[in-house]
Amino acid sequence: LIFNFNFDTEFQVESYLRHQGKAFV
């Protein structure tokens, strides 16, 4: 429950979308 306070991937949905985007490329 601790935020990193940066723009790295933190939320599960962020990780999922980035994975989908990279796989599509």
PDB file of all heavy atoms in Angstrom:
ATOM      1  N   LEU A   1       0.826  -1.208   0.000  1.00  0.00           N
ATOM      2  CA  LEU A   1       0.000   0.000   0.000  1.00  0.00           C
ATOM      3  C   LEU A   1       0.860   1.257   0.000  1.00  0.00           C
ATOM      4  O   LEU A   1       0.360   2.362   0.159  1.00  0.00           O
ATOM      5  CB  LEU A   1      -0.924   0.003   1.226  1.00  0.00           C
ATOM      6  CG  LEU A   1      -1.959  -1.127   1.280  1.00  0.00           C
ATOM      7  CD1 LEU A   1      -2.779  -1.035   2.558  1.00  0.00           C
ATOM      8  CD2 LEU A   1      -2.869  -1.078   0.066  1.00  0.00           C
ATOM      9  N   ILE A   2       2.150   1.082  -0.188  1.00  0.00           N
ATOM     10  CA  ILE A   2       3.075   2.214  -0.143  1.00  0.00           C
ATOM     11  C   ILE A   2       3.351   2.706  -1.551  1.00  0.00           C
ATOM     12  O   ILE A   2       3.786   1.938  -2.422  1.00  0.00           O
ATOM     13  CB  ILE A   2       4.396   1.799   0.539  1.00  0.00           C
ATOM     14  CG1 ILE A   2       4.114   1.301   1.970  1.00  0.00           C
ATOM     15  CG2 ILE A   2       5.374   2.968   0.564  1.00  0.00           C
ATOM     16  CD1 ILE A   2       5.334   0.730   2.658  1.00  0.00           C
ATOM     17  N   PHE A   3       3.098   3.973  -1.822  1.00  0.00           N
ATOM     18  CA  PHE A   3       3.360   4.567  -3.131  1.00  0.00           C
ATOM     19  C   PHE A   3       4.845   4.873  -3.288  1.00  0.00           C
ATOM     20  O   PHE A   3       5.552   5.188  -2.326  1.00  0.00           O
ATOM     21  CB  PHE A   3       2.553   5.848  -3.320  1.00  0.00           C
ATOM     22  CG  PHE A   3       1.066   5.633  -3.332  1.00  0.00           C
ATOM     23  CD1 PHE A   3       0.226   6.523  -2.676  1.00  0.00           C
ATOM     24  CD2 PHE A   3       0.502   4.553  -3.990  1.00  0.00           C
ATOM     25  CE1 PHE A   3      -1.143   6.338  -2.684  1.00  0.00           C
ATOM     26  CE2 PHE A   3      -0.863   4.358  -3.996  1.00  0.00           C
ATOM     27  CZ  PHE A   3      -1.691   5.243  -3.341  1.00  0.00           C
ATOM     28  N   ASN A   4       5.313   4.817  -4.531  1.00  0.00           N
ATOM     29  CA  ASN A   4       6.718   5.125  -4.827  1.00  0.00           C
ATOM     30  C   ASN A   4       6.955   6.613  -5.075  1.00  0.00           C
ATOM     31  O   ASN A   4       8.101   7.067  -5.073  1.00  0.00           O
ATOM     32  CB  ASN A   4       7.191   4.348  -6.058  1.00  0.00           C
ATOM     33  CG  ASN A   4       7.241   2.856  -5.817  1.00  0.00           C
ATOM     34  OD1 ASN A   4       7.435   2.407  -4.683  1.00  0.00           O
ATOM     35  ND2 ASN A   4       7.055   2.078  -6.873  1.00  0.00           N
ATOM     36  N   PHE A   5       5.884   7.334  -5.365  1.00  0.00           N
ATOM     37  CA  PHE A   5       5.970   8.758  -5.671  1.00  0.00           C
ATOM     38  C   PHE A   5       6.924   9.034  -6.841  1.00  0.00           C
ATOM     39  O   PHE A   5       7.769   9.917  -6.801  1.00  0.00           O
ATOM     40  CB  PHE A   5       6.366   9.571  -4.429  1.00  0.00           C
ATOM     41  CG  PHE A   5       5.294   9.557  -3.374  1.00  0.00           C
ATOM     42  CD1 PHE A   5       5.360   8.657  -2.317  1.00  0.00           C
ATOM     43  CD2 PHE A   5       4.198  10.398  -3.458  1.00  0.00           C
ATOM     44  CE1 PHE A   5       4.346   8.613  -1.360  1.00  0.00           C
ATOM     45  CE2 PHE A   5       3.184  10.367  -2.500  1.00  0.00           C
ATOM     46  CZ  PHE A   5       3.257   9.463  -1.448  1.00  0.00           C
ATOM     47  N   ASN A   6       6.753   8.228  -7.902  1.00  0.00           N
ATOM     48  CA  ASN A   6       7.455   8.452  -9.171  1.00  0.00           C
ATOM     49  C   ASN A   6       6.553   7.948 -10.294  1.00  0.00           C
ATOM     50  O   ASN A   6       5.387   7.627 -10.059  1.00  0.00           O
ATOM     51  CB  ASN A   6       8.823   7.770  -9.185  1.00  0.00           C
ATOM     52  CG  ASN A   6       8.743   6.266  -8.966  1.00  0.00           C
ATOM     53  OD1 ASN A   6       7.806   5.600  -9.425  1.00  0.00           O
ATOM     54  ND2 ASN A   6       9.723   5.713  -8.240  1.00  0.00           N
ATOM     55  N   PHE A   7       7.092   7.885 -11.512  1.00  0.00           N
ATOM     56  CA  PHE A   7       6.265   7.501 -12.662  1.00  0.00           C
ATOM     57  C   PHE A   7       6.556   6.093 -13.160  1.00  0.00           C
ATOM     58  O   PHE A   7       6.230   5.748 -14.297  1.00  0.00           O
ATOM     59  CB  PHE A   7       6.432   8.530 -13.783  1.00  0.00           C
ATOM     60  CG  PHE A   7       5.956   9.909 -13.389  1.00  0.00           C
ATOM     61  CD1 PHE A   7       6.862  10.908 -13.092  1.00  0.00           C
ATOM     62  CD2 PHE A   7       4.606  10.174 -13.285  1.00  0.00           C
ATOM     63  CE1 PHE A   7       6.430  12.161 -12.706  1.00  0.00           C
ATOM     64  CE2 PHE A   7       4.157  11.427 -12.908  1.00  0.00           C
ATOM     65  CZ  PHE A   7       5.064  12.424 -12.606  1.00  0.00           C
ATOM     66  N   ASP A   8       7.162   5.265 -12.301  1.00  0.00           N
ATOM     67  CA  ASP A   8       7.328   3.859 -12.646  1.00  0.00           C
ATOM     68  C   ASP A   8       5.975   3.154 -12.569  1.00  0.00           C
ATOM     69  O   ASP A   8       4.995   3.696 -12.040  1.00  0.00           O
ATOM     70  CB  ASP A   8       8.314   3.195 -11.680  1.00  0.00           C
ATOM     71  CG  ASP A   8       9.733   3.700 -11.868  1.00  0.00           C
ATOM     72  OD1 ASP A   8      10.016   4.229 -12.960  1.00  0.00           O
ATOM     73  OD2 ASP A   8      10.534   3.587 -10.922  1.00  0.00           O
ATOM     74  N   THR A   9       5.942   1.923 -13.075  1.00  0.00           N
ATOM     75  CA  THR A   9       4.710   1.141 -13.025  1.00  0.00           C
ATOM     76  C   THR A   9       4.426   0.725 -11.589  1.00  0.00           C
ATOM     77  O   THR A   9       5.221   0.022 -10.965  1.00  0.00           O
ATOM     78  CB  THR A   9       4.839  -0.113 -13.904  1.00  0.00           C
ATOM     79  OG1 THR A   9       5.169   0.277 -15.229  1.00  0.00           O
ATOM     80  CG2 THR A   9       3.533  -0.891 -13.930  1.00  0.00           C
ATOM     81  N   GLU A  10       3.279   1.178 -11.054  1.00  0.00           N
ATOM     82  CA  GLU A  10       2.916   0.842  -9.681  1.00  0.00           C
ATOM     83  C   GLU A  10       1.636   0.014  -9.611  1.00  0.00           C
ATOM     84  O   GLU A  10       1.583  -0.996  -8.922  1.00  0.00           O
ATOM     85  CB  GLU A  10       2.729   2.118  -8.860  1.00  0.00           C
ATOM     86  CG  GLU A  10       4.013   2.888  -8.607  1.00  0.00           C
ATOM     87  CD  GLU A  10       3.770   4.062  -7.668  1.00  0.00           C
ATOM     88  OE1 GLU A  10       3.848   3.857  -6.444  1.00  0.00           O
ATOM     89  OE2 GLU A  10       3.497   5.166  -8.166  1.00  0.00           O
ATOM     90  N   PHE A  11       0.596   0.446 -10.327  1.00  0.00           N
ATOM     91  CA  PHE A  11      -0.683  -0.245 -10.263  1.00  0.00           C
ATOM     92  C   PHE A  11      -0.690  -1.447 -11.202  1.00  0.00           C
ATOM     93  O   PHE A  11      -0.052  -1.445 -12.256  1.00  0.00           O
ATOM     94  CB  PHE A  11      -1.816   0.715 -10.630  1.00  0.00           C
ATOM     95  CG  PHE A  11      -2.069   1.778  -9.592  1.00  0.00           C
ATOM     96  CD1 PHE A  11      -1.450   3.011  -9.687  1.00  0.00           C
ATOM     97  CD2 PHE A  11      -2.918   1.523  -8.526  1.00  0.00           C
ATOM     98  CE1 PHE A  11      -1.679   3.990  -8.739  1.00  0.00           C
ATOM     99  CE2 PHE A  11      -3.156   2.498  -7.564  1.00  0.00           C
ATOM    100  CZ  PHE A  11      -2.531   3.744  -7.671  1.00  0.00           C
ATOM    101  N   GLN A  12      -1.431  -2.476 -10.792  1.00  0.00           N
ATOM    102  CA  GLN A  12      -1.532  -3.678 -11.604  1.00  0.00           C
ATOM    103  C   GLN A  12      -2.051  -3.363 -13.009  1.00  0.00           C
ATOM    104  O   GLN A  12      -1.586  -3.929 -13.993  1.00  0.00           O
ATOM    105  CB  GLN A  12      -2.469  -4.691 -10.929  1.00  0.00           C
ATOM    106  CG  GLN A  12      -1.940  -5.287  -9.639  1.00  0.00           C
ATOM    107  CD  GLN A  12      -0.910  -6.390  -9.880  1.00  0.00           C
ATOM    108  OE1 GLN A  12      -0.500  -6.630 -11.008  1.00  0.00           O
ATOM    109  NE2 GLN A  12      -0.503  -7.050  -8.813  1.00  0.00           N
ATOM    110  N   VAL A  13      -3.015  -2.460 -13.096  1.00  0.00           N
ATOM    111  CA  VAL A  13      -3.583  -2.138 -14.403  1.00  0.00           C
ATOM    112  C   VAL A  13      -2.552  -1.464 -15.300  1.00  0.00           C
ATOM    113  O   VAL A  13      -2.547  -1.665 -16.520  1.00  0.00           O
ATOM    114  CB  VAL A  13      -4.858  -1.276 -14.255  1.00  0.00           C
ATOM    115  CG1 VAL A  13      -4.537   0.124 -13.725  1.00  0.00           C
ATOM    116  CG2 VAL A  13      -5.604  -1.207 -15.574  1.00  0.00           C
ATOM    117  N   GLU A  14      -1.642  -0.678 -14.719  1.00  0.00           N
ATOM    118  CA  GLU A  14      -0.566  -0.069 -15.510  1.00  0.00           C
ATOM    119  C   GLU A  14       0.337  -1.146 -16.089  1.00  0.00           C
ATOM    120  O   GLU A  14       0.708  -1.110 -17.274  1.00  0.00           O
ATOM    121  CB  GLU A  14       0.265   0.873 -14.640  1.00  0.00           C
ATOM    122  CG  GLU A  14      -0.440   2.113 -14.165  1.00  0.00           C
ATOM    123  CD  GLU A  14       0.442   2.935 -13.238  1.00  0.00           C
ATOM    124  OE1 GLU A  14       1.028   2.353 -12.300  1.00  0.00           O
ATOM    125  OE2 GLU A  14       0.539   4.152 -13.452  1.00  0.00           O
ATOM    126  N   SER A  15       0.689  -2.114 -15.256  1.00  0.00           N
ATOM    127  CA  SER A  15       1.554  -3.208 -15.703  1.00  0.00           C
ATOM    128  C   SER A  15       0.899  -4.002 -16.818  1.00  0.00           C
ATOM    129  O   SER A  15       1.544  -4.355 -17.820  1.00  0.00           O
ATOM    130  CB  SER A  15       1.872  -4.117 -14.513  1.00  0.00           C
ATOM    131  OG  SER A  15       2.643  -5.232 -14.920  1.00  0.00           O
ATOM    132  N   TYR A  16      -0.396  -4.259 -16.663  1.00  0.00           N
ATOM    133  CA  TYR A  16      -1.137  -5.026 -17.669  1.00  0.00           C
ATOM    134  C   TYR A  16      -1.155  -4.294 -19.002  1.00  0.00           C
ATOM    135  O   TYR A  16      -0.875  -4.889 -20.060  1.00  0.00           O
ATOM    136  CB  TYR A  16      -2.556  -5.266 -17.163  1.00  0.00           C
ATOM    137  CG  TYR A  16      -3.483  -5.876 -18.190  1.00  0.00           C
ATOM    138  CD1 TYR A  16      -3.455  -7.244 -18.452  1.00  0.00           C
ATOM    139  CD2 TYR A  16      -4.393  -5.091 -18.894  1.00  0.00           C
ATOM    140  CE1 TYR A  16      -4.310  -7.805 -19.386  1.00  0.00           C
ATOM    141  CE2 TYR A  16      -5.251  -5.648 -19.833  1.00  0.00           C
ATOM    142  CZ  TYR A  16      -5.202  -7.003 -20.070  1.00  0.00           C
ATOM    143  OH  TYR A  16      -6.041  -7.563 -20.999  1.00  0.00           O
ATOM    144  N   LEU A  17      -1.467  -3.017 -18.994  1.00  0.00           N
ATOM    145  CA  LEU A  17      -1.557  -2.259 -20.239  1.00  0.00           C
ATOM    146  C   LEU A  17      -0.194  -2.164 -20.927  1.00  0.00           C
ATOM    147  O   LEU A  17      -0.104  -2.266 -22.156  1.00  0.00           O
ATOM    148  CB  LEU A  17      -2.108  -0.859 -19.973  1.00  0.00           C
ATOM    149  CG  LEU A  17      -3.607  -0.796 -19.649  1.00  0.00           C
ATOM    150  CD1 LEU A  17      -3.996   0.608 -19.236  1.00  0.00           C
ATOM    151  CD2 LEU A  17      -4.438  -1.253 -20.839  1.00  0.00           C
ATOM    152  N   ARG A  18       0.845  -1.961 -20.153  1.00  0.00           N
ATOM    153  CA  ARG A  18       2.180  -1.886 -20.762  1.00  0.00           C
ATOM    154  C   ARG A  18       2.572  -3.229 -21.372  1.00  0.00           C
ATOM    155  O   ARG A  18       3.181  -3.278 -22.446  1.00  0.00           O
ATOM    156  CB  ARG A  18       3.208  -1.430 -19.724  1.00  0.00           C
ATOM    157  CG  ARG A  18       2.994   0.000 -19.272  1.00  0.00           C
ATOM    158  CD  ARG A  18       4.142   0.527 -18.451  1.00  0.00           C
ATOM    159  NE  ARG A  18       3.818   1.828 -17.874  1.00  0.00           N
ATOM    160  CZ  ARG A  18       4.699   2.614 -17.271  1.00  0.00           C
ATOM    161  NH1 ARG A  18       5.969   2.233 -17.165  1.00  0.00           N
ATOM    162  NH2 ARG A  18       4.327   3.777 -16.767  1.00  0.00           N
ATOM    163  N   HIS A  19       2.221  -4.302 -20.688  1.00  0.00           N
ATOM    164  CA  HIS A  19       2.512  -5.628 -21.253  1.00  0.00           C
ATOM    165  C   HIS A  19       1.761  -5.826 -22.561  1.00  0.00           C
ATOM    166  O   HIS A  19       2.341  -6.310 -23.549  1.00  0.00           O
ATOM    167  CB  HIS A  19       2.116  -6.720 -20.254  1.00  0.00           C
ATOM    168  CG  HIS A  19       2.138  -8.099 -20.836  1.00  0.00           C
ATOM    169  ND1 HIS A  19       3.318  -8.784 -21.070  1.00  0.00           N
ATOM    170  CD2 HIS A  19       1.128  -8.912 -21.269  1.00  0.00           C
ATOM    171  CE1 HIS A  19       3.030  -9.962 -21.610  1.00  0.00           C
ATOM    172  NE2 HIS A  19       1.717 -10.061 -21.739  1.00  0.00           N
ATOM    173  N   GLN A  20       0.476  -5.464 -22.577  1.00  0.00           N
ATOM    174  CA  GLN A  20      -0.311  -5.609 -23.803  1.00  0.00           C
ATOM    175  C   GLN A  20       0.274  -4.772 -24.934  1.00  0.00           C
ATOM    176  O   GLN A  20       0.346  -5.213 -26.081  1.00  0.00           O
ATOM    177  CB  GLN A  20      -1.763  -5.196 -23.540  1.00  0.00           C
ATOM    178  CG  GLN A  20      -2.539  -6.140 -22.626  1.00  0.00           C
ATOM    179  CD  GLN A  20      -2.744  -7.507 -23.243  1.00  0.00           C
ATOM    180  OE1 GLN A  20      -2.930  -7.647 -24.452  1.00  0.00           O
ATOM    181  NE2 GLN A  20      -2.712  -8.541 -22.419  1.00  0.00           N
ATOM    182  N   GLY A  21       0.675  -3.553 -24.621  1.00  0.00           N
ATOM    183  CA  GLY A  21       1.255  -2.686 -25.642  1.00  0.00           C
ATOM    184  C   GLY A  21       2.545  -3.230 -26.204  1.00  0.00           C
ATOM    185  O   GLY A  21       2.755  -3.246 -27.425  1.00  0.00           O
ATOM    186  N   LYS A  22       3.432  -3.697 -25.336  1.00  0.00           N
ATOM    187  CA  LYS A  22       4.723  -4.222 -25.788  1.00  0.00           C
ATOM    188  C   LYS A  22       4.542  -5.490 -26.612  1.00  0.00           C
ATOM    189  O   LYS A  22       5.218  -5.683 -27.634  1.00  0.00           O
ATOM    190  CB  LYS A  22       5.615  -4.485 -24.577  1.00  0.00           C
ATOM    191  CG  LYS A  22       6.104  -3.219 -23.880  1.00  0.00           C
ATOM    192  CD  LYS A  22       6.906  -3.541 -22.622  1.00  0.00           C
ATOM    193  CE  LYS A  22       7.358  -2.272 -21.926  1.00  0.00           C
ATOM    194  NZ  LYS A  22       8.071  -2.564 -20.645  1.00  0.00           N
ATOM    195  N   ALA A  23       3.647  -6.364 -26.180  1.00  0.00           N
ATOM    196  CA  ALA A  23       3.413  -7.607 -26.925  1.00  0.00           C
ATOM    197  C   ALA A  23       2.840  -7.306 -28.305  1.00  0.00           C
ATOM    198  O   ALA A  23       3.177  -7.979 -29.297  1.00  0.00           O
ATOM    199  CB  ALA A  23       2.472  -8.514 -26.132  1.00  0.00           C
ATOM    200  N   PHE A  24       1.993  -6.292 -28.399  1.00  0.00           N
ATOM    201  CA  PHE A  24       1.372  -5.941 -29.675  1.00  0.00           C
ATOM    202  C   PHE A  24       2.411  -5.434 -30.667  1.00  0.00           C
ATOM    203  O   PHE A  24       2.360  -5.761 -31.860  1.00  0.00           O
ATOM    204  CB  PHE A  24       0.297  -4.885 -29.439  1.00  0.00           C
ATOM    205  CG  PHE A  24      -0.545  -4.587 -30.644  1.00  0.00           C
ATOM    206  CD1 PHE A  24      -1.447  -5.515 -31.129  1.00  0.00           C
ATOM    207  CD2 PHE A  24      -0.440  -3.371 -31.304  1.00  0.00           C
ATOM    208  CE1 PHE A  24      -2.233  -5.243 -32.236  1.00  0.00           C
ATOM    209  CE2 PHE A  24      -1.222  -3.086 -32.410  1.00  0.00           C
ATOM    210  CZ  PHE A  24      -2.122  -4.027 -32.881  1.00  0.00           C
ATOM    211  N   VAL A  25       3.354  -4.645 -30.196  1.00  0.00           N
ATOM    212  CA  VAL A  25       4.397  -4.095 -31.069  1.00  0.00           C
ATOM    213  C   VAL A  25       5.189  -5.208 -31.737  1.00  0.00           C
ATOM    214  O   VAL A  25       5.611  -5.076 -32.889  1.00  0.00           O
ATOM    215  CB  VAL A  25       5.328  -3.169 -30.259  1.00  0.00           C
ATOM    216  CG1 VAL A  25       6.564  -2.798 -31.069  1.00  0.00           C
ATOM    217  CG2 VAL A  25       4.583  -1.908 -29.835  1.00  0.00           C
TER     218      VAL A  25
END
